[in-house]
């Protein structure tokens, strides 16, 4: 997983790309998904924007999200 900014993260597998956010620790909400083959820089940006829009629309946790530079910052229990 890689942070993209504004609380949005990208999760990559060998053939799929998922973008979303963590409204709480250990809870990842997927807001956009596509195949690796379709993910050009333009599509990557679209998916990022979709995640922000969906997070604002959905309003989980009143729109709050977990922040961090490393995945361990997000999923670790403090």
PDB file of N, CA and C in Angstrom:
ATOM      1  N   UNK A   1       0.841  -1.170   0.000  1.00  0.00           N
ATOM      2  CA  UNK A   1       0.000   0.000   0.000  1.00  0.00           C
ATOM      3  C   UNK A   1       0.887   1.234   0.000  1.00  0.00           C
ATOM      4  N   UNK A   2       0.365   2.261  -0.633  1.00  0.00           N
ATOM      5  CA  UNK A   2       1.137   3.495  -0.773  1.00  0.00           C
ATOM      6  C   UNK A   2       0.214   4.694  -0.530  1.00  0.00           C
ATOM      7  N   UNK A   3       0.631   5.659   0.312  1.00  0.00           N
ATOM      8  CA  UNK A   3      -0.185   6.849   0.508  1.00  0.00           C
ATOM      9  C   UNK A   3      -0.079   7.772  -0.706  1.00  0.00           C
ATOM     10  N   UNK A   4      -1.212   8.355  -1.096  1.00  0.00           N
ATOM     11  CA  UNK A   4      -1.234   9.263  -2.242  1.00  0.00           C
ATOM     12  C   UNK A   4      -1.434  10.709  -1.833  1.00  0.00           C
ATOM     13  N   UNK A   5      -1.841  10.930  -0.587  1.00  0.00           N
ATOM     14  CA  UNK A   5      -2.118  12.274  -0.093  1.00  0.00           C
ATOM     15  C   UNK A   5      -3.576  12.416   0.297  1.00  0.00           C
ATOM     16  N   UNK A   6      -3.840  13.359   1.204  1.00  0.00           N
ATOM     17  CA  UNK A   6      -5.193  13.640   1.694  1.00  0.00           C
ATOM     18  C   UNK A   6      -5.889  12.393   2.241  1.00  0.00           C
ATOM     19  N   UNK A   7      -5.109  11.486   2.830  1.00  0.00           N
ATOM     20  CA  UNK A   7      -5.673  10.291   3.425  1.00  0.00           C
ATOM     21  C   UNK A   7      -6.047   9.190   2.450  1.00  0.00           C
ATOM     22  N   UNK A   8      -5.702   9.342   1.191  1.00  0.00           N
ATOM     23  CA  UNK A   8      -6.025   8.350   0.157  1.00  0.00           C
ATOM     24  C   UNK A   8      -4.827   7.427  -0.039  1.00  0.00           C
ATOM     25  N   UNK A   9      -5.131   6.130  -0.165  1.00  0.00           N
ATOM     26  CA  UNK A   9      -4.095   5.108  -0.337  1.00  0.00           C
ATOM     27  C   UNK A   9      -4.375   4.284  -1.587  1.00  0.00           C
ATOM     28  N   UNK A  10      -3.301   3.767  -2.202  1.00  0.00           N
ATOM     29  CA  UNK A  10      -3.418   2.847  -3.337  1.00  0.00           C
ATOM     30  C   UNK A  10      -2.944   1.479  -2.881  1.00  0.00           C
ATOM     31  N   UNK A  11      -3.767   0.475  -3.167  1.00  0.00           N
ATOM     32  CA  UNK A  11      -3.432  -0.917  -2.879  1.00  0.00           C
ATOM     33  C   UNK A  11      -3.262  -1.609  -4.209  1.00  0.00           C
ATOM     34  N   UNK A  12      -2.095  -2.193  -4.435  1.00  0.00           N
ATOM     35  CA  UNK A  12      -1.784  -2.841  -5.710  1.00  0.00           C
ATOM     36  C   UNK A  12      -1.605  -4.334  -5.529  1.00  0.00           C
ATOM     37  N   UNK A  13      -2.178  -5.091  -6.467  1.00  0.00           N
ATOM     38  CA  UNK A  13      -1.874  -6.509  -6.574  1.00  0.00           C
ATOM     39  C   UNK A  13      -1.190  -6.673  -7.925  1.00  0.00           C
ATOM     40  N   UNK A  14      -0.926  -7.891  -8.333  1.00  0.00           N
ATOM     41  CA  UNK A  14      -0.270  -8.101  -9.622  1.00  0.00           C
ATOM     42  C   UNK A  14      -1.087  -7.571 -10.791  1.00  0.00           C
ATOM     43  N   UNK A  15      -2.415  -7.606 -10.685  1.00  0.00           N
ATOM     44  CA  UNK A  15      -3.237  -7.222 -11.826  1.00  0.00           C
ATOM     45  C   UNK A  15      -4.359  -6.237 -11.525  1.00  0.00           C
ATOM     46  N   UNK A  16      -4.496  -5.794 -10.271  1.00  0.00           N
ATOM     47  CA  UNK A  16      -5.584  -4.898  -9.884  1.00  0.00           C
ATOM     48  C   UNK A  16      -5.034  -3.722  -9.079  1.00  0.00           C
ATOM     49  N   UNK A  17      -5.661  -2.565  -9.276  1.00  0.00           N
ATOM     50  CA  UNK A  17      -5.329  -1.367  -8.508  1.00  0.00           C
ATOM     51  C   UNK A  17      -6.589  -0.897  -7.794  1.00  0.00           C
ATOM     52  N   UNK A  18      -6.475  -0.652  -6.487  1.00  0.00           N
ATOM     53  CA  UNK A  18      -7.594  -0.188  -5.678  1.00  0.00           C
ATOM     54  C   UNK A  18      -7.172   1.077  -4.949  1.00  0.00           C
ATOM     55  N   UNK A  19      -8.078   2.030  -4.879  1.00  0.00           N
ATOM     56  CA  UNK A  19      -7.802   3.291  -4.211  1.00  0.00           C
ATOM     57  C   UNK A  19      -8.915   3.533  -3.201  1.00  0.00           C
ATOM     58  N   UNK A  20      -8.538   3.981  -2.011  1.00  0.00           N
ATOM     59  CA  UNK A  20      -9.522   4.236  -0.978  1.00  0.00           C
ATOM     60  C   UNK A  20      -8.902   4.926   0.215  1.00  0.00           C
ATOM     61  N   UNK A  21      -9.552   4.784   1.374  1.00  0.00           N
ATOM     62  CA  UNK A  21      -9.083   5.446   2.582  1.00  0.00           C
ATOM     63  C   UNK A  21      -9.429   4.595   3.801  1.00  0.00           C
ATOM     64  N   UNK A  22      -8.840   4.973   4.919  1.00  0.00           N
ATOM     65  CA  UNK A  22      -9.082   4.317   6.193  1.00  0.00           C
ATOM     66  C   UNK A  22      -9.918   5.254   7.070  1.00  0.00           C
ATOM     67  N   UNK A  23     -11.226   5.010   7.224  1.00  0.00           N
ATOM     68  CA  UNK A  23     -12.011   5.848   8.134  1.00  0.00           C
ATOM     69  C   UNK A  23     -11.639   5.556   9.592  1.00  0.00           C
ATOM     70  N   UNK A  24     -11.149   4.358   9.856  1.00  0.00           N
ATOM     71  CA  UNK A  24     -10.682   3.915  11.168  1.00  0.00           C
ATOM     72  C   UNK A  24      -9.486   2.994  10.951  1.00  0.00           C
ATOM     73  N   UNK A  25      -8.750   2.758  12.007  1.00  0.00           N
ATOM     74  CA  UNK A  25      -7.637   1.813  11.915  1.00  0.00           C
ATOM     75  C   UNK A  25      -8.161   0.450  11.499  1.00  0.00           C
ATOM     76  N   UNK A  26      -7.436  -0.202  10.626  1.00  0.00           N
ATOM     77  CA  UNK A  26      -7.755  -1.547  10.141  1.00  0.00           C
ATOM     78  C   UNK A  26      -9.037  -1.634   9.321  1.00  0.00           C
ATOM     79  N   UNK A  27      -9.580  -0.515   8.855  1.00  0.00           N
ATOM     80  CA  UNK A  27     -10.768  -0.524   7.996  1.00  0.00           C
ATOM     81  C   UNK A  27     -10.444   0.252   6.731  1.00  0.00           C
ATOM     82  N   UNK A  28     -10.305  -0.456   5.618  1.00  0.00           N
ATOM     83  CA  UNK A  28      -9.994   0.181   4.340  1.00  0.00           C
ATOM     84  C   UNK A  28     -11.243   0.165   3.470  1.00  0.00           C
ATOM     85  N   UNK A  29     -11.663   1.329   3.022  1.00  0.00           N
ATOM     86  CA  UNK A  29     -12.819   1.463   2.137  1.00  0.00           C
ATOM     87  C   UNK A  29     -12.303   1.660   0.720  1.00  0.00           C
ATOM     88  N   UNK A  30     -12.654   0.741  -0.167  1.00  0.00           N
ATOM     89  CA  UNK A  30     -12.250   0.845  -1.569  1.00  0.00           C
ATOM     90  C   UNK A  30     -13.251   1.735  -2.293  1.00  0.00           C
ATOM     91  N   UNK A  31     -12.759   2.801  -2.877  1.00  0.00           N
ATOM     92  CA  UNK A  31     -13.619   3.757  -3.569  1.00  0.00           C
ATOM     93  C   UNK A  31     -13.518   3.635  -5.083  1.00  0.00           C
ATOM     94  N   UNK A  32     -12.406   3.121  -5.572  1.00  0.00           N
ATOM     95  CA  UNK A  32     -12.207   2.962  -7.018  1.00  0.00           C
ATOM     96  C   UNK A  32     -11.318   1.746  -7.243  1.00  0.00           C
ATOM     97  N   UNK A  33     -11.616   1.021  -8.295  1.00  0.00           N
ATOM     98  CA  UNK A  33     -10.847  -0.179  -8.622  1.00  0.00           C
ATOM     99  C   UNK A  33     -10.760  -0.316 -10.133  1.00  0.00           C
ATOM    100  N   UNK A  34      -9.625  -0.788 -10.613  1.00  0.00           N
ATOM    101  CA  UNK A  34      -9.428  -1.005 -12.042  1.00  0.00           C
ATOM    102  C   UNK A  34      -8.291  -1.998 -12.236  1.00  0.00           C
ATOM    103  N   UNK A  35      -8.155  -2.472 -13.448  1.00  0.00           N
ATOM    104  CA  UNK A  35      -7.070  -3.395 -13.747  1.00  0.00           C
ATOM    105  C   UNK A  35      -5.769  -2.622 -13.939  1.00  0.00           C
ATOM    106  N   UNK A  36      -4.663  -3.298 -13.746  1.00  0.00           N
ATOM    107  CA  UNK A  36      -3.352  -2.690 -13.948  1.00  0.00           C
ATOM    108  C   UNK A  36      -3.230  -2.166 -15.375  1.00  0.00           C
ATOM    109  N   UNK A  37      -3.726  -2.937 -16.334  1.00  0.00           N
ATOM    110  CA  UNK A  37      -3.620  -2.554 -17.744  1.00  0.00           C
ATOM    111  C   UNK A  37      -4.323  -1.238 -18.052  1.00  0.00           C
ATOM    112  N   UNK A  38      -5.382  -0.925 -17.323  1.00  0.00           N
ATOM    113  CA  UNK A  38      -6.136   0.307 -17.568  1.00  0.00           C
ATOM    114  C   UNK A  38      -5.598   1.515 -16.818  1.00  0.00           C
ATOM    115  N   UNK A  39      -4.680   1.319 -15.904  1.00  0.00           N
ATOM    116  CA  UNK A  39      -4.240   2.397 -15.022  1.00  0.00           C
ATOM    117  C   UNK A  39      -3.098   3.208 -15.613  1.00  0.00           C
ATOM    118  N   UNK A  40      -3.477   4.135 -16.449  1.00  0.00           N
ATOM    119  CA  UNK A  40      -2.551   5.141 -16.961  1.00  0.00           C
ATOM    120  C   UNK A  40      -2.452   6.249 -15.914  1.00  0.00           C
ATOM    121  N   UNK A  41      -1.520   7.184 -16.051  1.00  0.00           N
ATOM    122  CA  UNK A  41      -1.477   8.301 -15.101  1.00  0.00           C
ATOM    123  C   UNK A  41      -2.808   9.064 -15.031  1.00  0.00           C
ATOM    124  N   UNK A  42      -3.501   9.185 -16.139  1.00  0.00           N
ATOM    125  CA  UNK A  42      -4.806   9.866 -16.134  1.00  0.00           C
ATOM    126  C   UNK A  42      -5.809   9.073 -15.315  1.00  0.00           C
ATOM    127  N   UNK A  43      -5.879   7.761 -15.524  1.00  0.00           N
ATOM    128  CA  UNK A  43      -6.814   6.929 -14.759  1.00  0.00           C
ATOM    129  C   UNK A  43      -6.445   6.912 -13.288  1.00  0.00           C
ATOM    130  N   UNK A  44      -5.144   6.881 -12.971  1.00  0.00           N
ATOM    131  CA  UNK A  44      -4.711   6.934 -11.577  1.00  0.00           C
ATOM    132  C   UNK A  44      -5.241   8.196 -10.900  1.00  0.00           C
ATOM    133  N   UNK A  45      -5.145   9.334 -11.568  1.00  0.00           N
ATOM    134  CA  UNK A  45      -5.644  10.587 -11.016  1.00  0.00           C
ATOM    135  C   UNK A  45      -7.170  10.556 -10.871  1.00  0.00           C
ATOM    136  N   UNK A  46      -7.864   9.992 -11.846  1.00  0.00           N
ATOM    137  CA  UNK A  46      -9.318   9.859 -11.750  1.00  0.00           C
ATOM    138  C   UNK A  46      -9.709   9.035 -10.531  1.00  0.00           C
ATOM    139  N   UNK A  47      -9.017   7.939 -10.313  1.00  0.00           N
ATOM    140  CA  UNK A  47      -9.318   7.081  -9.175  1.00  0.00           C
ATOM    141  C   UNK A  47      -9.071   7.814  -7.856  1.00  0.00           C
ATOM    142  N   UNK A  48      -8.011   8.594  -7.797  1.00  0.00           N
ATOM    143  CA  UNK A  48      -7.707   9.404  -6.613  1.00  0.00           C
ATOM    144  C   UNK A  48      -8.846  10.392  -6.349  1.00  0.00           C
ATOM    145  N   UNK A  49      -9.280  11.086  -7.392  1.00  0.00           N
ATOM    146  CA  UNK A  49     -10.374  12.055  -7.250  1.00  0.00           C
ATOM    147  C   UNK A  49     -11.688  11.360  -6.870  1.00  0.00           C
ATOM    148  N   UNK A  50     -11.935  10.180  -7.432  1.00  0.00           N
ATOM    149  CA  UNK A  50     -13.128   9.408  -7.080  1.00  0.00           C
ATOM    150  C   UNK A  50     -13.122   9.053  -5.595  1.00  0.00           C
ATOM    151  N   UNK A  51     -11.969   8.677  -5.077  1.00  0.00           N
ATOM    152  CA  UNK A  51     -11.865   8.309  -3.663  1.00  0.00           C
ATOM    153  C   UNK A  51     -12.194   9.500  -2.764  1.00  0.00           C
ATOM    154  N   UNK A  52     -11.675  10.657  -3.079  1.00  0.00           N
ATOM    155  CA  UNK A  52     -11.956  11.850  -2.276  1.00  0.00           C
ATOM    156  C   UNK A  52     -13.443  12.202  -2.355  1.00  0.00           C
ATOM    157  N   UNK A  53     -14.003  12.177  -3.553  1.00  0.00           N
ATOM    158  CA  UNK A  53     -15.420  12.506  -3.725  1.00  0.00           C
ATOM    159  C   UNK A  53     -16.309  11.507  -2.983  1.00  0.00           C
ATOM    160  N   UNK A  54     -16.001  10.236  -3.099  1.00  0.00           N
ATOM    161  CA  UNK A  54     -16.799   9.205  -2.447  1.00  0.00           C
ATOM    162  C   UNK A  54     -16.695   9.315  -0.930  1.00  0.00           C
ATOM    163  N   UNK A  55     -15.494   9.590  -0.429  1.00  0.00           N
ATOM    164  CA  UNK A  55     -15.306   9.752   1.015  1.00  0.00           C
ATOM    165  C   UNK A  55     -16.151  10.921   1.527  1.00  0.00           C
ATOM    166  N   UNK A  56     -16.147  12.032   0.811  1.00  0.00           N
ATOM    167  CA  UNK A  56     -16.942  13.192   1.216  1.00  0.00           C
ATOM    168  C   UNK A  56     -18.433  12.899   1.144  1.00  0.00           C
ATOM    169  N   UNK A  57     -18.847  12.197   0.114  1.00  0.00           N
ATOM    170  CA  UNK A  57     -20.255  11.866  -0.065  1.00  0.00           C
ATOM    171  C   UNK A  57     -20.744  10.876   0.991  1.00  0.00           C
ATOM    172  N   UNK A  58     -19.942   9.861   1.247  1.00  0.00           N
ATOM    173  CA  UNK A  58     -20.342   8.809   2.177  1.00  0.00           C
ATOM    174  C   UNK A  58     -20.379   9.304   3.623  1.00  0.00           C
ATOM    175  N   UNK A  59     -19.418  10.116   4.001  1.00  0.00           N
ATOM    176  CA  UNK A  59     -19.405  10.721   5.326  1.00  0.00           C
ATOM    177  C   UNK A  59     -19.168   9.770   6.494  1.00  0.00           C
ATOM    178  N   UNK A  60     -18.523   8.626   6.240  1.00  0.00           N
ATOM    179  CA  UNK A  60     -18.191   7.722   7.347  1.00  0.00           C
ATOM    180  C   UNK A  60     -17.325   8.456   8.354  1.00  0.00           C
ATOM    181  N   UNK A  61     -17.613   8.243   9.639  1.00  0.00           N
ATOM    182  CA  UNK A  61     -16.797   8.870  10.678  1.00  0.00           C
ATOM    183  C   UNK A  61     -16.784  10.396  10.519  1.00  0.00           C
ATOM    184  N   UNK A  62     -17.883  10.938  10.015  1.00  0.00           N
ATOM    185  CA  UNK A  62     -18.005  12.380   9.746  1.00  0.00           C
ATOM    186  C   UNK A  62     -16.931  12.877   8.776  1.00  0.00           C
ATOM    187  N   UNK A  63     -16.502  12.004   7.874  1.00  0.00           N
ATOM    188  CA  UNK A  63     -15.511  12.384   6.872  1.00  0.00           C
ATOM    189  C   UNK A  63     -14.073  12.308   7.341  1.00  0.00           C
ATOM    190  N   UNK A  64     -13.868  11.964   8.616  1.00  0.00           N
ATOM    191  CA  UNK A  64     -12.495  11.865   9.119  1.00  0.00           C
ATOM    192  C   UNK A  64     -11.817  10.630   8.531  1.00  0.00           C
ATOM    193  N   UNK A  65     -10.505  10.650   8.523  1.00  0.00           N
ATOM    194  CA  UNK A  65      -9.734   9.521   8.029  1.00  0.00           C
ATOM    195  C   UNK A  65      -8.412   9.451   8.763  1.00  0.00           C
ATOM    196  N   UNK A  66      -7.862   8.257   8.806  1.00  0.00           N
ATOM    197  CA  UNK A  66      -6.564   8.039   9.429  1.00  0.00           C
ATOM    198  C   UNK A  66      -5.468   8.527   8.482  1.00  0.00           C
ATOM    199  N   UNK A  67      -4.437   9.121   9.059  1.00  0.00           N
ATOM    200  CA  UNK A  67      -3.323   9.611   8.257  1.00  0.00           C
ATOM    201  C   UNK A  67      -2.031   8.926   8.669  1.00  0.00           C
ATOM    202  N   UNK A  68      -1.093   8.858   7.750  1.00  0.00           N
ATOM    203  CA  UNK A  68       0.213   8.301   8.032  1.00  0.00           C
ATOM    204  C   UNK A  68       1.016   8.175   6.761  1.00  0.00           C
ATOM    205  N   UNK A  69       2.302   8.031   6.923  1.00  0.00           N
ATOM    206  CA  UNK A  69       3.200   7.888   5.774  1.00  0.00           C
ATOM    207  C   UNK A  69       3.486   6.426   5.460  1.00  0.00           C
ATOM    208  N   UNK A  70       3.282   5.563   6.447  1.00  0.00           N
ATOM    209  CA  UNK A  70       3.520   4.134   6.296  1.00  0.00           C
ATOM    210  C   UNK A  70       2.268   3.387   6.713  1.00  0.00           C
ATOM    211  N   UNK A  71       2.043   2.233   6.131  1.00  0.00           N
ATOM    212  CA  UNK A  71       0.853   1.452   6.460  1.00  0.00           C
ATOM    213  C   UNK A  71       0.819   1.093   7.938  1.00  0.00           C
ATOM    214  N   UNK A  72       1.971   0.866   8.544  1.00  0.00           N
ATOM    215  CA  UNK A  72       2.011   0.557   9.968  1.00  0.00           C
ATOM    216  C   UNK A  72       1.483   1.722  10.824  1.00  0.00           C
ATOM    217  N   UNK A  73       1.612   2.959  10.331  1.00  0.00           N
ATOM    218  CA  UNK A  73       1.062   4.109  11.037  1.00  0.00           C
ATOM    219  C   UNK A  73      -0.465   4.013  11.108  1.00  0.00           C
ATOM    220  N   UNK A  74      -1.060   3.392  10.120  1.00  0.00           N
ATOM    221  CA  UNK A  74      -2.514   3.341  10.010  1.00  0.00           C
ATOM    222  C   UNK A  74      -3.091   2.136  10.748  1.00  0.00           C
ATOM    223  N   UNK A  75      -2.467   0.990  10.602  1.00  0.00           N
ATOM    224  CA  UNK A  75      -3.094  -0.221  11.133  1.00  0.00           C
ATOM    225  C   UNK A  75      -2.646  -0.570  12.553  1.00  0.00           C
ATOM    226  N   UNK A  76      -1.578   0.054  13.045  1.00  0.00           N
ATOM    227  CA  UNK A  76      -1.089  -0.250  14.395  1.00  0.00           C
ATOM    228  C   UNK A  76      -2.083   0.235  15.449  1.00  0.00           C
ATOM    229  N   UNK A  77      -2.231  -0.520  16.498  1.00  0.00           N
ATOM    230  CA  UNK A  77      -3.088  -0.120  17.600  1.00  0.00           C
ATOM    231  C   UNK A  77      -2.233   0.638  18.614  1.00  0.00           C
ATOM    232  N   UNK A  78      -2.658   1.831  18.942  1.00  0.00           N
ATOM    233  CA  UNK A  78      -1.894   2.668  19.887  1.00  0.00           C
ATOM    234  C   UNK A  78      -2.507   2.599  21.254  1.00  0.00           C
TER     235      UNK A  78
END
